[in-house]
Amino acid sequence: MRERKRLSVKKKMEFSKKILIVVSIATVLIVIASFVLMWRMMDLSPLSYIITGIFAELASATGFYYWKAKNENMIKLTKDDEEGGAVG
């Protein structure tokens, strides 16, 4: 008998997930760079604007991602309810 090879179908990563990953990486890099520069220059003033700004960006990206995921799951649950697949 012939062996059937499974075709591995790679799911394309969602664009919103890519945004979240890029913003998270940028946040970590900016925080590390800020700490290094603050240590070298002995100046803590960047804490007041750079760090808070990048974490505000991360919070916005995270909030958008969870909001989008919630709405997509609500659509899936509505379809399941219409098809009679929900138990309860």
Protein backbone atom coordinates (compact mmCIF):
# COMPACT_ATOMS: atom_id res chain seq x y z
CA MET A 1 0.00 0.00 0.00
CA ARG A 2 1.05 3.49 -0.64
CA GLU A 3 1.83 5.74 2.22
CA ARG A 4 -0.09 8.91 2.23
CA LYS A 5 1.93 11.93 2.97
CA ARG A 6 0.26 14.52 5.05
CA LEU A 7 0.37 17.90 3.55
CA SER A 8 1.37 20.29 6.25
CA VAL A 9 -0.70 23.36 5.83
CA LYS A 10 0.94 26.27 7.54
CA LYS A 11 -1.46 28.80 8.86
CA LYS A 12 -0.46 32.31 8.02
CA MET A 13 0.16 34.39 11.14
CA GLU A 14 -2.44 37.08 11.71
CA PHE A 15 -1.34 40.64 11.08
CA SER A 16 -2.55 41.77 14.50
CA LYS A 17 -0.39 39.10 16.12
CA LYS A 18 2.61 40.36 14.14
CA ILE A 19 1.93 43.89 15.37
CA LEU A 20 1.76 42.68 18.97
CA ILE A 21 5.04 40.77 18.63
CA VAL A 22 6.86 43.70 17.01
CA VAL A 23 5.62 46.16 19.63
CA SER A 24 6.60 43.78 22.44
CA ILE A 25 10.10 43.32 21.05
CA ALA A 26 10.46 47.08 20.54
CA THR A 27 9.36 47.68 24.13
CA VAL A 28 11.96 45.30 25.53
CA LEU A 29 14.72 46.76 23.35
CA ILE A 30 13.85 50.37 24.21
CA VAL A 31 13.68 49.61 27.94
CA ILE A 32 17.06 47.87 27.87
CA ALA A 33 18.65 50.66 25.82
CA SER A 34 17.17 53.28 28.15
CA PHE A 35 18.50 51.52 31.24
CA VAL A 36 21.97 51.24 29.72
CA LEU A 37 22.04 54.91 28.73
CA MET A 38 20.65 56.03 32.09
CA TRP A 39 23.34 54.01 33.86
CA ARG A 40 26.14 55.41 31.67
CA MET A 41 24.99 59.04 31.83
CA MET A 42 23.72 58.92 35.43
CA ASP A 43 20.52 60.66 34.33
CA LEU A 44 17.07 59.30 35.21
CA SER A 45 15.02 61.83 33.25
CA PRO A 46 14.23 59.36 30.40
CA LEU A 47 12.09 57.42 32.89
CA SER A 48 9.50 60.18 32.78
CA TYR A 49 8.81 60.10 29.04
CA ILE A 50 10.52 57.31 27.07
CA ILE A 51 9.58 54.39 29.29
CA THR A 52 6.01 55.56 29.90
CA GLY A 53 5.51 56.27 26.20
CA ILE A 54 6.61 52.84 25.04
CA PHE A 55 4.50 51.08 27.66
CA ALA A 56 1.48 53.13 26.56
CA GLU A 57 2.11 51.88 23.02
CA LEU A 58 2.36 48.30 24.26
CA ALA A 59 -0.87 48.69 26.24
CA SER A 60 -2.67 50.01 23.14
CA ALA A 61 -1.43 47.15 20.96
CA THR A 62 -2.33 44.55 23.59
CA GLY A 63 -5.78 46.05 24.11
CA PHE A 64 -6.45 46.09 20.37
CA TYR A 65 -5.31 42.48 20.00
CA TYR A 66 -7.57 41.21 22.81
CA TRP A 67 -10.51 43.27 21.57
CA LYS A 68 -10.10 41.80 18.08
CA ALA A 69 -9.76 38.25 19.43
CA LYS A 70 -12.89 38.71 21.58
CA ASN A 71 -14.92 39.83 18.59
CA GLU A 72 -13.66 36.95 16.44
CA ASN A 73 -14.56 34.45 19.16
CA MET A 74 -18.04 35.96 19.53
CA ILE A 75 -18.61 35.41 15.80
CA LYS A 76 -17.46 31.78 16.11
CA LEU A 77 -19.71 31.18 19.11
CA THR A 78 -22.69 32.71 17.32
CA LYS A 79 -22.11 30.40 14.34
CA ASP A 80 -21.88 27.38 16.68
CA ASP A 81 -25.15 28.38 18.34
CA GLU A 82 -26.90 28.70 14.98
CA GLU A 83 -25.64 25.28 13.86
CA GLY A 84 -26.73 23.64 17.10
CA GLY A 85 -23.21 22.72 18.11
CA ALA A 86 -23.32 24.37 21.50
CA VAL A 87 -24.10 22.22 24.49
CA GLY A 88 -25.88 23.73 27.41
